[in-house]
Amino acid sequence: MGVQEPELYDLPISAETLDRVVGNYDDGLFKFRVSGDAGQLYIHVPEFVGKPRRRLQYQGDGIFATPEPGMIRAWFEPATGNVGRVVWEWGELRAYGRRIP
């Protein structure tokens, strides 16, 4: 179709951002964990058996994306302060995961 893949960045993530977004989330279908390790951010969905955690690369403006084709884009709300939920998109699908203990 001639649609160009969006350019994928791998910008540095501040320690403050890592601390803000790391945690457990539930979107009603899946429970998943966002974790930080050595200045990088990862997402792990235990229901995806055999799938390791996936790295979330920082795109700027609070947006993160997985590096593989058909990437997932995610951002955390609110943009400042305590995170209450993550919003993620995969193709035309958009889901909202609330933060859980």
PDB file of N, CA and C in Angstrom:
ATOM      1  N   MET A   1       0.805  -1.185   0.000  1.00  0.00           N
ATOM      2  CA  MET A   1       0.000   0.000   0.000  1.00  0.00           C
ATOM      3  C   MET A   1       0.858   1.262   0.000  1.00  0.00           C
ATOM      4  N   GLY A   2       2.148   1.100   0.149  1.00  0.00           N
ATOM      5  CA  GLY A   2       3.024   2.251   0.122  1.00  0.00           C
ATOM      6  C   GLY A   2       3.056   3.038   1.419  1.00  0.00           C
ATOM      7  N   VAL A   3       2.498   2.479   2.500  1.00  0.00           N
ATOM      8  CA  VAL A   3       2.517   3.174   3.787  1.00  0.00           C
ATOM      9  C   VAL A   3       3.851   2.902   4.448  1.00  0.00           C
ATOM     10  N   GLN A   4       4.542   3.965   4.816  1.00  0.00           N
ATOM     11  CA  GLN A   4       5.857   3.836   5.409  1.00  0.00           C
ATOM     12  C   GLN A   4       5.730   3.562   6.910  1.00  0.00           C
ATOM     13  N   GLU A   5       6.537   2.631   7.406  1.00  0.00           N
ATOM     14  CA  GLU A   5       6.577   2.347   8.837  1.00  0.00           C
ATOM     15  C   GLU A   5       7.065   3.590   9.568  1.00  0.00           C
ATOM     16  N   PRO A   6       6.483   3.884  10.732  1.00  0.00           N
ATOM     17  CA  PRO A   6       6.958   5.042  11.479  1.00  0.00           C
ATOM     18  C   PRO A   6       8.382   4.814  11.975  1.00  0.00           C
ATOM     19  N   GLU A   7       9.156   5.893  12.041  1.00  0.00           N
ATOM     20  CA  GLU A   7      10.516   5.789  12.539  1.00  0.00           C
ATOM     21  C   GLU A   7      10.464   5.465  14.025  1.00  0.00           C
ATOM     22  N   LEU A   8      11.283   4.524  14.449  1.00  0.00           N
ATOM     23  CA  LEU A   8      11.301   4.100  15.842  1.00  0.00           C
ATOM     24  C   LEU A   8      12.526   4.692  16.529  1.00  0.00           C
ATOM     25  N   TYR A   9      12.290   5.395  17.626  1.00  0.00           N
ATOM     26  CA  TYR A   9      13.375   6.002  18.391  1.00  0.00           C
ATOM     27  C   TYR A   9      13.709   5.134  19.589  1.00  0.00           C
ATOM     28  N   ASP A  10      14.834   5.406  20.188  1.00  0.00           N
ATOM     29  CA  ASP A  10      15.262   4.737  21.415  1.00  0.00           C
ATOM     30  C   ASP A  10      15.904   5.798  22.303  1.00  0.00           C
ATOM     31  N   LEU A  11      15.069   6.724  22.760  1.00  0.00           N
ATOM     32  CA  LEU A  11      15.550   7.861  23.538  1.00  0.00           C
ATOM     33  C   LEU A  11      15.798   7.446  24.985  1.00  0.00           C
ATOM     34  N   PRO A  12      16.698   8.145  25.674  1.00  0.00           N
ATOM     35  CA  PRO A  12      16.946   7.819  27.082  1.00  0.00           C
ATOM     36  C   PRO A  12      15.701   8.073  27.931  1.00  0.00           C
ATOM     37  N   ILE A  13      15.545   7.274  28.978  1.00  0.00           N
ATOM     38  CA  ILE A  13      14.418   7.392  29.900  1.00  0.00           C
ATOM     39  C   ILE A  13      14.959   7.865  31.240  1.00  0.00           C
ATOM     40  N   SER A  14      14.372   8.911  31.775  1.00  0.00           N
ATOM     41  CA  SER A  14      14.844   9.428  33.059  1.00  0.00           C
ATOM     42  C   SER A  14      14.486   8.465  34.185  1.00  0.00           C
ATOM     43  N   ALA A  15      15.282   8.506  35.249  1.00  0.00           N
ATOM     44  CA  ALA A  15      15.009   7.675  36.424  1.00  0.00           C
ATOM     45  C   ALA A  15      13.652   8.036  37.014  1.00  0.00           C
ATOM     46  N   GLU A  16      13.274   9.291  36.962  1.00  0.00           N
ATOM     47  CA  GLU A  16      11.969   9.731  37.472  1.00  0.00           C
ATOM     48  C   GLU A  16      10.830   9.065  36.697  1.00  0.00           C
ATOM     49  N   THR A  17      10.957   9.019  35.377  1.00  0.00           N
ATOM     50  CA  THR A  17       9.928   8.373  34.552  1.00  0.00           C
ATOM     51  C   THR A  17       9.847   6.887  34.865  1.00  0.00           C
ATOM     52  N   LEU A  18      10.988   6.228  34.967  1.00  0.00           N
ATOM     53  CA  LEU A  18      10.992   4.797  35.303  1.00  0.00           C
ATOM     54  C   LEU A  18      10.265   4.563  36.622  1.00  0.00           C
ATOM     55  N   ASP A  19      10.598   5.346  37.638  1.00  0.00           N
ATOM     56  CA  ASP A  19       9.964   5.181  38.949  1.00  0.00           C
ATOM     57  C   ASP A  19       8.458   5.410  38.876  1.00  0.00           C
ATOM     58  N   ARG A  20       8.034   6.354  38.058  1.00  0.00           N
ATOM     59  CA  ARG A  20       6.621   6.716  37.939  1.00  0.00           C
ATOM     60  C   ARG A  20       5.775   5.621  37.303  1.00  0.00           C
ATOM     61  N   VAL A  21       6.302   4.943  36.296  1.00  0.00           N
ATOM     62  CA  VAL A  21       5.477   4.047  35.480  1.00  0.00           C
ATOM     63  C   VAL A  21       5.609   2.568  35.839  1.00  0.00           C
ATOM     64  N   VAL A  22       6.684   2.193  36.536  1.00  0.00           N
ATOM     65  CA  VAL A  22       6.870   0.786  36.902  1.00  0.00           C
ATOM     66  C   VAL A  22       5.742   0.349  37.823  1.00  0.00           C
ATOM     67  N   GLY A  23       5.150  -0.794  37.520  1.00  0.00           N
ATOM     68  CA  GLY A  23       4.089  -1.323  38.359  1.00  0.00           C
ATOM     69  C   GLY A  23       3.271  -2.376  37.649  1.00  0.00           C
ATOM     70  N   ASN A  24       2.181  -2.780  38.294  1.00  0.00           N
ATOM     71  CA  ASN A  24       1.273  -3.792  37.761  1.00  0.00           C
ATOM     72  C   ASN A  24       0.020  -3.104  37.219  1.00  0.00           C
ATOM     73  N   TYR A  25      -0.497  -3.656  36.122  1.00  0.00           N
ATOM     74  CA  TYR A  25      -1.656  -3.075  35.450  1.00  0.00           C
ATOM     75  C   TYR A  25      -2.632  -4.173  35.048  1.00  0.00           C
ATOM     76  N   ASP A  26      -3.900  -3.805  34.899  1.00  0.00           N
ATOM     77  CA  ASP A  26      -4.942  -4.736  34.501  1.00  0.00           C
ATOM     78  C   ASP A  26      -5.858  -4.019  33.510  1.00  0.00           C
ATOM     79  N   ASP A  27      -5.976  -4.557  32.286  1.00  0.00           N
ATOM     80  CA  ASP A  27      -6.837  -3.920  31.281  1.00  0.00           C
ATOM     81  C   ASP A  27      -8.182  -4.636  31.129  1.00  0.00           C
ATOM     82  N   GLY A  28      -8.487  -5.539  32.071  1.00  0.00           N
ATOM     83  CA  GLY A  28      -9.742  -6.281  32.018  1.00  0.00           C
ATOM     84  C   GLY A  28      -9.625  -7.591  31.267  1.00  0.00           C
ATOM     85  N   LEU A  29      -8.633  -7.718  30.418  1.00  0.00           N
ATOM     86  CA  LEU A  29      -8.385  -8.951  29.684  1.00  0.00           C
ATOM     87  C   LEU A  29      -7.077  -9.591  30.152  1.00  0.00           C
ATOM     88  N   PHE A  30      -6.059  -8.748  30.319  1.00  0.00           N
ATOM     89  CA  PHE A  30      -4.742  -9.215  30.747  1.00  0.00           C
ATOM     90  C   PHE A  30      -4.268  -8.418  31.946  1.00  0.00           C
ATOM     91  N   LYS A  31      -3.530  -9.108  32.816  1.00  0.00           N
ATOM     92  CA  LYS A  31      -2.778  -8.453  33.872  1.00  0.00           C
ATOM     93  C   LYS A  31      -1.330  -8.483  33.418  1.00  0.00           C
ATOM     94  N   PHE A  32      -0.641  -7.378  33.562  1.00  0.00           N
ATOM     95  CA  PHE A  32       0.735  -7.322  33.096  1.00  0.00           C
ATOM     96  C   PHE A  32       1.571  -6.435  33.993  1.00  0.00           C
ATOM     97  N   ARG A  33       2.869  -6.574  33.878  1.00  0.00           N
ATOM     98  CA  ARG A  33       3.825  -5.823  34.689  1.00  0.00           C
ATOM     99  C   ARG A  33       4.699  -4.980  33.785  1.00  0.00           C
ATOM    100  N   VAL A  34       4.897  -3.736  34.187  1.00  0.00           N
ATOM    101  CA  VAL A  34       5.866  -2.847  33.551  1.00  0.00           C
ATOM    102  C   VAL A  34       7.013  -2.734  34.542  1.00  0.00           C
ATOM    103  N   SER A  35       8.222  -3.067  34.097  1.00  0.00           N
ATOM    104  CA  SER A  35       9.383  -3.070  34.985  1.00  0.00           C
ATOM    105  C   SER A  35      10.529  -2.285  34.375  1.00  0.00           C
ATOM    106  N   GLY A  36      11.419  -1.870  35.230  1.00  0.00           N
ATOM    107  CA  GLY A  36      12.616  -1.163  34.789  1.00  0.00           C
ATOM    108  C   GLY A  36      13.842  -1.987  35.109  1.00  0.00           C
ATOM    109  N   ASP A  37      14.830  -1.910  34.239  1.00  0.00           N
ATOM    110  CA  ASP A  37      16.067  -2.658  34.442  1.00  0.00           C
ATOM    111  C   ASP A  37      17.179  -1.947  33.690  1.00  0.00           C
ATOM    112  N   ALA A  38      18.182  -1.493  34.422  1.00  0.00           N
ATOM    113  CA  ALA A  38      19.354  -0.839  33.828  1.00  0.00           C
ATOM    114  C   ALA A  38      18.966   0.323  32.912  1.00  0.00           C
ATOM    115  N   GLY A  39      18.011   1.140  33.369  1.00  0.00           N
ATOM    116  CA  GLY A  39      17.622   2.318  32.604  1.00  0.00           C
ATOM    117  C   GLY A  39      16.698   2.042  31.429  1.00  0.00           C
ATOM    118  N   GLN A  40      16.209   0.803  31.306  1.00  0.00           N
ATOM    119  CA  GLN A  40      15.298   0.422  30.226  1.00  0.00           C
ATOM    120  C   GLN A  40      13.947   0.055  30.822  1.00  0.00           C
ATOM    121  N   LEU A  41      12.906   0.141  30.012  1.00  0.00           N
ATOM    122  CA  LEU A  41      11.556  -0.191  30.452  1.00  0.00           C
ATOM    123  C   LEU A  41      11.094  -1.433  29.699  1.00  0.00           C
ATOM    124  N   TYR A  42      10.397  -2.348  30.415  1.00  0.00           N
ATOM    125  CA  TYR A  42       9.936  -3.597  29.838  1.00  0.00           C
ATOM    126  C   TYR A  42       8.475  -3.838  30.207  1.00  0.00           C
ATOM    127  N   ILE A  43       7.773  -4.584  29.346  1.00  0.00           N
ATOM    128  CA  ILE A  43       6.418  -5.023  29.643  1.00  0.00           C
ATOM    129  C   ILE A  43       6.395  -6.545  29.562  1.00  0.00           C
ATOM    130  N   HIS A  44       5.706  -7.165  30.525  1.00  0.00           N
ATOM    131  CA  HIS A  44       5.596  -8.619  30.541  1.00  0.00           C
ATOM    132  C   HIS A  44       4.144  -8.993  30.800  1.00  0.00           C
ATOM    133  N   VAL A  45       3.587  -9.794  29.902  1.00  0.00           N
ATOM    134  CA  VAL A  45       2.217 -10.282  30.027  1.00  0.00           C
ATOM    135  C   VAL A  45       2.309 -11.787  30.268  1.00  0.00           C
ATOM    136  N   PRO A  46       2.132 -12.229  31.542  1.00  0.00           N
ATOM    137  CA  PRO A  46       2.309 -13.660  31.848  1.00  0.00           C
ATOM    138  C   PRO A  46       1.421 -14.591  31.019  1.00  0.00           C
ATOM    139  N   GLU A  47       0.237 -14.148  30.595  1.00  0.00           N
ATOM    140  CA  GLU A  47      -0.658 -15.021  29.813  1.00  0.00           C
ATOM    141  C   GLU A  47      -0.078 -15.381  28.452  1.00  0.00           C
ATOM    142  N   PHE A  48       0.870 -14.592  27.963  1.00  0.00           N
ATOM    143  CA  PHE A  48       1.515 -14.913  26.696  1.00  0.00           C
ATOM    144  C   PHE A  48       2.643 -15.899  26.976  1.00  0.00           C
ATOM    145  N   VAL A  49       2.276 -17.150  27.222  1.00  0.00           N
ATOM    146  CA  VAL A  49       3.228 -18.187  27.590  1.00  0.00           C
ATOM    147  C   VAL A  49       4.300 -18.308  26.508  1.00  0.00           C
ATOM    148  N   GLY A  50       5.528 -18.402  26.947  1.00  0.00           N
ATOM    149  CA  GLY A  50       6.643 -18.533  26.017  1.00  0.00           C
ATOM    150  C   GLY A  50       7.122 -17.217  25.444  1.00  0.00           C
ATOM    151  N   LYS A  51       6.428 -16.133  25.747  1.00  0.00           N
ATOM    152  CA  LYS A  51       6.845 -14.821  25.256  1.00  0.00           C
ATOM    153  C   LYS A  51       7.581 -14.106  26.383  1.00  0.00           C
ATOM    154  N   PRO A  52       8.823 -13.717  26.146  1.00  0.00           N
ATOM    155  CA  PRO A  52       9.565 -13.009  27.185  1.00  0.00           C
ATOM    156  C   PRO A  52       9.032 -11.579  27.347  1.00  0.00           C
ATOM    157  N   ARG A  53       9.534 -10.925  28.342  1.00  0.00           N
ATOM    158  CA  ARG A  53       9.178  -9.513  28.480  1.00  0.00           C
ATOM    159  C   ARG A  53       9.657  -8.780  27.230  1.00  0.00           C
ATOM    160  N   ARG A  54       8.966  -7.730  26.893  1.00  0.00           N
ATOM    161  CA  ARG A  54       9.308  -6.942  25.695  1.00  0.00           C
ATOM    162  C   ARG A  54       9.766  -5.568  26.123  1.00  0.00           C
ATOM    163  N   ARG A  55      10.768  -5.088  25.459  1.00  0.00           N
ATOM    164  CA  ARG A  55      11.307  -3.772  25.767  1.00  0.00           C
ATOM    165  C   ARG A  55      10.389  -2.698  25.208  1.00  0.00           C
ATOM    166  N   LEU A  56      10.198  -1.649  25.981  1.00  0.00           N
ATOM    167  CA  LEU A  56       9.463  -0.466  25.542  1.00  0.00           C
ATOM    168  C   LEU A  56      10.470   0.651  25.307  1.00  0.00           C
ATOM    169  N   GLN A  57      10.621   1.060  24.071  1.00  0.00           N
ATOM    170  CA  GLN A  57      11.562   2.118  23.714  1.00  0.00           C
ATOM    171  C   GLN A  57      10.855   3.461  23.792  1.00  0.00           C
ATOM    172  N   TYR A  58      11.530   4.445  24.379  1.00  0.00           N
ATOM    173  CA  TYR A  58      10.948   5.768  24.541  1.00  0.00           C
ATOM    174  C   TYR A  58      10.974   6.528  23.219  1.00  0.00           C
ATOM    175  N   GLN A  59       9.784   7.047  22.832  1.00  0.00           N
ATOM    176  CA  GLN A  59       9.634   7.773  21.573  1.00  0.00           C
ATOM    177  C   GLN A  59       9.585   9.289  21.764  1.00  0.00           C
ATOM    178  N   GLY A  60       9.549   9.735  23.016  1.00  0.00           N
ATOM    179  CA  GLY A  60       9.392  11.153  23.315  1.00  0.00           C
ATOM    180  C   GLY A  60       7.931  11.464  23.599  1.00  0.00           C
ATOM    181  N   ASP A  61       7.666  12.608  24.188  1.00  0.00           N
ATOM    182  CA  ASP A  61       6.302  13.042  24.519  1.00  0.00           C
ATOM    183  C   ASP A  61       5.522  12.018  25.328  1.00  0.00           C
ATOM    184  N   GLY A  62       6.216  11.230  26.168  1.00  0.00           N
ATOM    185  CA  GLY A  62       5.546  10.264  27.028  1.00  0.00           C
ATOM    186  C   GLY A  62       5.088   8.994  26.342  1.00  0.00           C
ATOM    187  N   ILE A  63       5.489   8.781  25.095  1.00  0.00           N
ATOM    188  CA  ILE A  63       5.048   7.608  24.325  1.00  0.00           C
ATOM    189  C   ILE A  63       6.174   6.569  24.250  1.00  0.00           C
ATOM    190  N   PHE A  64       5.792   5.302  24.448  1.00  0.00           N
ATOM    191  CA  PHE A  64       6.715   4.179  24.372  1.00  0.00           C
ATOM    192  C   PHE A  64       6.225   3.228  23.291  1.00  0.00           C
ATOM    193  N   ALA A  65       7.135   2.432  22.721  1.00  0.00           N
ATOM    194  CA  ALA A  65       6.753   1.470  21.676  1.00  0.00           C
ATOM    195  C   ALA A  65       7.655   0.252  21.737  1.00  0.00           C
ATOM    196  N   THR A  66       7.091  -0.902  21.369  1.00  0.00           N
ATOM    197  CA  THR A  66       7.899  -2.111  21.237  1.00  0.00           C
ATOM    198  C   THR A  66       8.579  -2.067  19.868  1.00  0.00           C
ATOM    199  N   PRO A  67       9.781  -2.643  19.751  1.00  0.00           N
ATOM    200  CA  PRO A  67      10.536  -2.507  18.506  1.00  0.00           C
ATOM    201  C   PRO A  67      10.128  -3.420  17.359  1.00  0.00           C
ATOM    202  N   GLU A  68       9.323  -4.455  17.610  1.00  0.00           N
ATOM    203  CA  GLU A  68       9.018  -5.403  16.543  1.00  0.00           C
ATOM    204  C   GLU A  68       7.927  -4.880  15.609  1.00  0.00           C
ATOM    205  N   PRO A  69       7.827  -5.466  14.428  1.00  0.00           N
ATOM    206  CA  PRO A  69       6.751  -5.075  13.515  1.00  0.00           C
ATOM    207  C   PRO A  69       5.385  -5.261  14.185  1.00  0.00           C
ATOM    208  N   GLY A  70       4.427  -4.456  13.811  1.00  0.00           N
ATOM    209  CA  GLY A  70       3.116  -4.501  14.448  1.00  0.00           C
ATOM    210  C   GLY A  70       3.205  -4.000  15.869  1.00  0.00           C
ATOM    211  N   MET A  71       4.053  -3.016  16.068  1.00  0.00           N
ATOM    212  CA  MET A  71       4.404  -2.568  17.405  1.00  0.00           C
ATOM    213  C   MET A  71       3.221  -2.108  18.252  1.00  0.00           C
ATOM    214  N   ILE A  72       3.444  -2.213  19.526  1.00  0.00           N
ATOM    215  CA  ILE A  72       2.516  -1.685  20.525  1.00  0.00           C
ATOM    216  C   ILE A  72       3.018  -0.307  20.920  1.00  0.00           C
ATOM    217  N   ARG A  73       2.115   0.647  20.965  1.00  0.00           N
ATOM    218  CA  ARG A  73       2.426   1.993  21.466  1.00  0.00           C
ATOM    219  C   ARG A  73       1.713   2.153  22.797  1.00  0.00           C
ATOM    220  N   ALA A  74       2.392   2.768  23.769  1.00  0.00           N
ATOM    221  CA  ALA A  74       1.797   2.925  25.095  1.00  0.00           C
ATOM    222  C   ALA A  74       2.191   4.264  25.695  1.00  0.00           C
ATOM    223  N   TRP A  75       1.290   4.785  26.534  1.00  0.00           N
ATOM    224  CA  TRP A  75       1.606   5.970  27.328  1.00  0.00           C
ATOM    225  C   TRP A  75       0.884   5.852  28.654  1.00  0.00           C
ATOM    226  N   PHE A  76       1.373   6.582  29.629  1.00  0.00           N
ATOM    227  CA  PHE A  76       0.879   6.481  30.992  1.00  0.00           C
ATOM    228  C   PHE A  76       0.172   7.774  31.370  1.00  0.00           C
ATOM    229  N   GLU A  77      -0.966   7.633  32.069  1.00  0.00           N
ATOM    230  CA  GLU A  77      -1.766   8.800  32.431  1.00  0.00           C
ATOM    231  C   GLU A  77      -1.967   8.854  33.936  1.00  0.00           C
ATOM    232  N   PRO A  78      -1.983  10.049  34.501  1.00  0.00           N
ATOM    233  CA  PRO A  78      -1.723  11.320  33.861  1.00  0.00           C
ATOM    234  C   PRO A  78      -0.249  11.450  33.478  1.00  0.00           C
ATOM    235  N   ALA A  79       0.056  12.443  32.683  1.00  0.00           N
ATOM    236  CA  ALA A  79       1.413  12.631  32.165  1.00  0.00           C
ATOM    237  C   ALA A  79       2.397  13.027  33.262  1.00  0.00           C
ATOM    238  N   THR A  80       1.912  13.542  34.371  1.00  0.00           N
ATOM    239  CA  THR A  80       2.762  13.890  35.506  1.00  0.00           C
ATOM    240  C   THR A  80       2.100  13.383  36.780  1.00  0.00           C
ATOM    241  N   GLY A  81       2.883  13.237  37.815  1.00  0.00           N
ATOM    242  CA  GLY A  81       2.330  12.774  39.085  1.00  0.00           C
ATOM    243  C   GLY A  81       2.141  11.268  39.104  1.00  0.00           C
ATOM    244  N   ASN A  82       1.277  10.819  40.002  1.00  0.00           N
ATOM    245  CA  ASN A  82       1.036   9.387  40.163  1.00  0.00           C
ATOM    246  C   ASN A  82       0.293   8.811  38.967  1.00  0.00           C
ATOM    247  N   VAL A  83       0.835   7.744  38.400  1.00  0.00           N
ATOM    248  CA  VAL A  83       0.219   7.082  37.247  1.00  0.00           C
ATOM    249  C   VAL A  83      -0.987   6.279  37.714  1.00  0.00           C
ATOM    250  N   GLY A  84      -2.127   6.469  37.045  1.00  0.00           N
ATOM    251  CA  GLY A  84      -3.336   5.724  37.365  1.00  0.00           C
ATOM    252  C   GLY A  84      -3.657   4.652  36.334  1.00  0.00           C
ATOM    253  N   ARG A  85      -3.154   4.858  35.105  1.00  0.00           N
ATOM    254  CA  ARG A  85      -3.437   3.866  34.064  1.00  0.00           C
ATOM    255  C   ARG A  85      -2.431   3.980  32.929  1.00  0.00           C
ATOM    256  N   VAL A  86      -2.371   2.897  32.152  1.00  0.00           N
ATOM    257  CA  VAL A  86      -1.600   2.880  30.922  1.00  0.00           C
ATOM    258  C   VAL A  86      -2.597   2.739  29.782  1.00  0.00           C
ATOM    259  N   VAL A  87      -2.355   3.454  28.714  1.00  0.00           N
ATOM    260  CA  VAL A  87      -3.145   3.332  27.493  1.00  0.00           C
ATOM    261  C   VAL A  87      -2.225   2.676  26.473  1.00  0.00           C
ATOM    262  N   TRP A  88      -2.715   1.618  25.826  1.00  0.00           N
ATOM    263  CA  TRP A  88      -1.880   0.987  24.810  1.00  0.00           C
ATOM    264  C   TRP A  88      -2.675   0.760  23.539  1.00  0.00           C
ATOM    265  N   GLU A  89      -1.961   0.844  22.434  1.00  0.00           N
ATOM    266  CA  GLU A  89      -2.558   0.635  21.106  1.00  0.00           C
ATOM    267  C   GLU A  89      -1.772  -0.435  20.364  1.00  0.00           C
ATOM    268  N   TRP A  90      -2.518  -1.269  19.692  1.00  0.00           N
ATOM    269  CA  TRP A  90      -1.932  -2.284  18.810  1.00  0.00           C
ATOM    270  C   TRP A  90      -2.802  -2.274  17.572  1.00  0.00           C
ATOM    271  N   GLY A  91      -2.275  -1.708  16.502  1.00  0.00           N
ATOM    272  CA  GLY A  91      -3.078  -1.526  15.296  1.00  0.00           C
ATOM    273  C   GLY A  91      -4.244  -0.602  15.611  1.00  0.00           C
ATOM    274  N   GLU A  92      -5.450  -1.044  15.328  1.00  0.00           N
ATOM    275  CA  GLU A  92      -6.634  -0.229  15.581  1.00  0.00           C
ATOM    276  C   GLU A  92      -7.227  -0.470  16.963  1.00  0.00           C
ATOM    277  N   LEU A  93      -6.630  -1.361  17.724  1.00  0.00           N
ATOM    278  CA  LEU A  93      -7.119  -1.689  19.058  1.00  0.00           C
ATOM    279  C   LEU A  93      -6.528  -0.730  20.083  1.00  0.00           C
ATOM    280  N   ARG A  94      -7.351  -0.196  20.952  1.00  0.00           N
ATOM    281  CA  ARG A  94      -6.882   0.642  22.063  1.00  0.00           C
ATOM    282  C   ARG A  94      -7.473   0.089  23.344  1.00  0.00           C
ATOM    283  N   ALA A  95      -6.617  -0.069  24.362  1.00  0.00           N
ATOM    284  CA  ALA A  95      -7.053  -0.596  25.660  1.00  0.00           C
ATOM    285  C   ALA A  95      -6.500   0.284  26.771  1.00  0.00           C
ATOM    286  N   TYR A  96      -7.165   0.220  27.915  1.00  0.00           N
ATOM    287  CA  TYR A  96      -6.801   1.019  29.071  1.00  0.00           C
ATOM    288  C   TYR A  96      -6.558   0.070  30.235  1.00  0.00           C
ATOM    289  N   GLY A  97      -5.371   0.117  30.792  1.00  0.00           N
ATOM    290  CA  GLY A  97      -5.036  -0.743  31.924  1.00  0.00           C
ATOM    291  C   GLY A  97      -4.895   0.078  33.182  1.00  0.00           C
ATOM    292  N   ARG A  98      -5.723  -0.218  34.190  1.00  0.00           N
ATOM    293  CA  ARG A  98      -5.620   0.524  35.438  1.00  0.00           C
ATOM    294  C   ARG A  98      -4.483  -0.046  36.263  1.00  0.00           C
ATOM    295  N   ARG A  99      -3.878   0.807  37.050  1.00  0.00           N
ATOM    296  CA  ARG A  99      -2.792   0.387  37.917  1.00  0.00           C
ATOM    297  C   ARG A  99      -3.377  -0.388  39.096  1.00  0.00           C
ATOM    298  N   ILE A 100      -2.758  -1.523  39.415  1.00  0.00           N
ATOM    299  CA  ILE A 100      -3.213  -2.355  40.519  1.00  0.00           C
ATOM    300  C   ILE A 100      -2.031  -2.621  41.461  1.00  0.00           C
ATOM    301  N   PRO A 101      -2.335  -3.000  42.711  1.00  0.00           N
ATOM    302  CA  PRO A 101      -1.236  -3.297  43.672  1.00  0.00           C
ATOM    303  C   PRO A 101      -0.444  -4.521  43.285  1.00  0.00           C
TER     304      PRO A 101
END
